C-alpha atoms as a PDB file:
ATOM      1  CA  MET A   1     -26.652 221.258  29.445  1.00  0.00           C
ATOM      2  CA  THR A   2     -22.989 220.654  28.720  1.00  0.00           C
ATOM      3  CA  VAL A   3     -20.359 222.255  30.876  1.00  0.00           C
ATOM      4  CA  VAL A   4     -16.891 222.644  29.419  1.00  0.00           C
ATOM      5  CA  ALA A   5     -14.206 222.362  32.056  1.00  0.00           C
ATOM      6  CA  ASP A   6     -11.058 224.432  31.894  1.00  0.00           C
ATOM      7  CA  PRO A   7      -8.270 222.465  30.249  1.00  0.00           C
ATOM      8  CA  PRO A   8      -5.526 221.330  32.614  1.00  0.00           C
ATOM      9  CA  GLY A   9      -2.154 223.067  32.493  1.00  0.00           C
ATOM     10  CA  ARG A  10      -1.150 226.487  31.316  1.00  0.00           C
ATOM     11  CA  LEU A  11       0.255 228.183  28.248  1.00  0.00           C
ATOM     12  CA  SER A  12       3.622 229.930  28.295  1.00  0.00           C
ATOM     13  CA  VAL A  13       4.818 232.143  25.468  1.00  0.00           C
ATOM     14  CA  SER A  14       8.552 232.808  25.214  1.00  0.00           C
ATOM     15  CA  GLU A  15      10.123 236.248  24.907  1.00  0.00           C
ATOM     16  CA  ARG A  16      11.447 235.173  21.517  1.00  0.00           C
ATOM     17  CA  ALA A  17       7.926 234.403  20.294  1.00  0.00           C
ATOM     18  CA  VAL A  18       6.641 237.746  21.588  1.00  0.00           C
ATOM     19  CA  ARG A  19       9.557 239.552  19.880  1.00  0.00           C
ATOM     20  CA  ARG A  20       8.800 237.873  16.562  1.00  0.00           C
ATOM     21  CA  ILE A  21       5.066 238.530  16.808  1.00  0.00           C
ATOM     22  CA  ALA A  22       5.718 242.178  17.671  1.00  0.00           C
ATOM     23  CA  ALA A  23       8.212 242.635  14.832  1.00  0.00           C
ATOM     24  CA  GLN A  24       5.776 241.207  12.306  1.00  0.00           C
ATOM     25  CA  ALA A  25       2.948 243.322  13.729  1.00  0.00           C
ATOM     26  CA  ALA A  26       5.087 246.459  13.370  1.00  0.00           C
ATOM     27  CA  ARG A  27       5.751 245.603   9.714  1.00  0.00           C
ATOM     28  CA  GLU A  28       1.975 245.458   9.146  1.00  0.00           C
ATOM     29  CA  VAL A  29       1.698 249.207   9.860  1.00  0.00           C
ATOM     30  CA  ASP A  30       1.682 251.487   6.825  1.00  0.00           C
ATOM     31  CA  GLY A  31       4.882 253.501   6.737  1.00  0.00           C
ATOM     32  CA  VAL A  32       7.069 251.062   8.682  1.00  0.00           C
ATOM     33  CA  GLU A  33       9.945 249.574   6.707  1.00  0.00           C
ATOM     34  CA  PRO A  34      10.854 245.857   7.095  1.00  0.00           C
ATOM     35  CA  GLU A  35      14.069 246.267   9.150  1.00  0.00           C
ATOM     36  CA  VAL A  36      12.271 246.332  12.536  1.00  0.00           C
ATOM     37  CA  SER A  37      14.020 245.292  15.746  1.00  0.00           C
ATOM     38  CA  VAL A  38      12.180 244.361  18.965  1.00  0.00           C
ATOM     39  CA  ARG A  39      13.221 243.600  22.535  1.00  0.00           C
ATOM     40  CA  ALA A  40      10.643 242.124  24.902  1.00  0.00           C
ATOM     41  CA  GLN A  41      10.577 241.736  28.647  1.00  0.00           C
ATOM     42  CA  LEU A  42       7.944 239.338  29.996  1.00  0.00           C
ATOM     43  CA  SER A  43       6.539 239.162  33.486  1.00  0.00           C
ATOM     44  CA  GLY A  44       3.821 236.523  33.650  1.00  0.00           C
ATOM     45  CA  ASP A  45       1.179 237.443  31.088  1.00  0.00           C
ATOM     46  CA  ARG A  46       2.443 241.019  30.704  1.00  0.00           C
ATOM     47  CA  ALA A  47       5.050 242.347  28.300  1.00  0.00           C
ATOM     48  CA  GLU A  48       7.041 245.509  27.814  1.00  0.00           C
ATOM     49  CA  LEU A  49       8.392 246.128  24.328  1.00  0.00           C
ATOM     50  CA  ALA A  50      11.262 248.234  22.998  1.00  0.00           C
ATOM     51  CA  VAL A  51      10.910 248.682  19.254  1.00  0.00           C
ATOM     52  CA  SER A  52      13.343 250.187  16.733  1.00  0.00           C
ATOM     53  CA  LEU A  53      11.519 251.414  13.639  1.00  0.00           C
ATOM     54  CA  PRO A  54      12.676 252.611  10.249  1.00  0.00           C
ATOM     55  CA  ILE A  55       9.892 254.846   8.924  1.00  0.00           C
ATOM     56  CA  ARG A  56       9.197 255.780   5.322  1.00  0.00           C
ATOM     57  CA  TYR A  57       9.837 259.468   4.605  1.00  0.00           C
ATOM     58  CA  PRO A  58       7.954 261.845   4.283  1.00  0.00           C
ATOM     59  CA  LEU A  59       5.228 260.201   6.384  1.00  0.00           C
ATOM     60  CA  PRO A  60       4.570 261.861   9.773  1.00  0.00           C
ATOM     61  CA  VAL A  61       6.811 260.132  12.324  1.00  0.00           C
ATOM     62  CA  ALA A  62       4.480 260.782  15.281  1.00  0.00           C
ATOM     63  CA  ARG A  63       1.442 259.335  13.483  1.00  0.00           C
ATOM     64  CA  VAL A  64       3.240 256.236  12.214  1.00  0.00           C
ATOM     65  CA  SER A  65       4.768 255.645  15.664  1.00  0.00           C
ATOM     66  CA  GLU A  66       1.416 255.951  17.441  1.00  0.00           C
ATOM     67  CA  ASP A  67      -0.298 253.712  14.852  1.00  0.00           C
ATOM     68  CA  CYS A  68       2.456 251.168  15.432  1.00  0.00           C
ATOM     69  CA  ARG A  69       2.118 251.377  19.233  1.00  0.00           C
ATOM     70  CA  ARG A  70      -1.651 250.750  19.068  1.00  0.00           C
ATOM     71  CA  HIS A  71      -1.244 247.911  16.575  1.00  0.00           C
ATOM     72  CA  LEU A  72       1.476 246.216  18.647  1.00  0.00           C
ATOM     73  CA  ILE A  73      -0.684 246.284  21.772  1.00  0.00           C
ATOM     74  CA  GLU A  74      -3.653 244.823  19.888  1.00  0.00           C
ATOM     75  CA  ARG A  75      -1.757 242.112  17.977  1.00  0.00           C
ATOM     76  CA  ALA A  76       0.379 240.946  20.921  1.00  0.00           C
ATOM     77  CA  SER A  77      -2.774 240.447  22.949  1.00  0.00           C
ATOM     78  CA  GLU A  78      -4.559 238.706  20.074  1.00  0.00           C
ATOM     79  CA  LEU A  79      -1.714 236.442  18.934  1.00  0.00           C
ATOM     80  CA  ALA A  80       0.393 235.845  22.057  1.00  0.00           C
ATOM     81  CA  GLY A  81      -2.178 236.327  24.793  1.00  0.00           C
ATOM     82  CA  VAL A  82      -0.049 238.894  26.612  1.00  0.00           C
ATOM     83  CA  ALA A  83      -1.050 242.332  27.827  1.00  0.00           C
ATOM     84  CA  VAL A  84       1.428 244.925  26.626  1.00  0.00           C
ATOM     85  CA  THR A  85       2.019 247.401  29.445  1.00  0.00           C
ATOM     86  CA  GLY A  86       4.509 249.592  27.608  1.00  0.00           C
ATOM     87  CA  VAL A  87       5.930 250.188  24.153  1.00  0.00           C
ATOM     88  CA  GLU A  88       9.110 252.237  23.847  1.00  0.00           C
ATOM     89  CA  ILE A  89       9.629 253.285  20.234  1.00  0.00           C
ATOM     90  CA  THR A  90      12.905 254.520  18.777  1.00  0.00           C
ATOM     91  CA  VAL A  91      12.869 255.746  15.191  1.00  0.00           C
ATOM     92  CA  THR A  92      16.138 254.464  13.765  1.00  0.00           C
ATOM     93  CA  ALA A  93      15.861 255.720  10.188  1.00  0.00           C
ATOM     94  CA  LEU A  94      13.805 257.729   7.759  1.00  0.00           C
ATOM     95  CA  VAL A  95      13.772 255.895   4.444  1.00  0.00           C
ATOM     96  CA  LEU A  96      13.043 257.790   1.233  1.00  0.00           C
ATOM     97  CA  GLU A  97      10.351 256.150  -0.851  1.00  0.00           C
ATOM     98  CA  THR A  98      12.702 256.114  -3.847  1.00  0.00           C
ATOM     99  CA  ASP A  99      15.311 254.247  -1.746  1.00  0.00           C
ATOM    100  CA  THR A 100      12.665 251.706  -0.789  1.00  0.00           C
ATOM    101  CA  ALA A 101      11.567 251.149  -4.388  1.00  0.00           C
ATOM    102  CA  ALA A 102      15.163 250.786  -5.586  1.00  0.00           C
ATOM    103  CA  ALA A 103      15.991 248.298  -2.827  1.00  0.00           C
ATOM    104  CA  ARG A 104      12.933 246.205  -3.628  1.00  0.00           C
ATOM    105  CA  SER A 105      13.767 246.107  -7.334  1.00  0.00           C
ATOM    106  CA  THR A 106      17.300 244.830  -6.659  1.00  0.00           C
ATOM    107  CA  ARG A 107      16.398 242.156  -4.097  1.00  0.00           C
ATOM    108  CA  ARG A 108      16.882 238.583  -5.176  1.00  0.00           C
ATOM    109  CA  VAL A 109      14.419 235.805  -4.599  1.00  0.00           C
ATOM    110  CA  ARG A 110      15.839 232.966  -2.535  1.00  0.00           C
END
């Protein structure tokens, strides 16, 4: 029988890393536009997030926000190893689908 010992040391994840993970996770939710902003406050292995979301109109704001909240909690735990104890969501814009399509067609590749 082989026993695997716990590795020495510990892992620390910065607030910046948690912010970036959370922002990308928010963008993965259907109805959330790319211009997401996240603030994170870490305390040990726990995080509180404040997220500013632009949501595609006419999707239901409450549903998209709740989907985003659930997804953020799941992905932050999975990718950063932190337990999210709170997610404060502020909807900063409602973006018409035609505005989104027009913006995408005029973007330049860098």
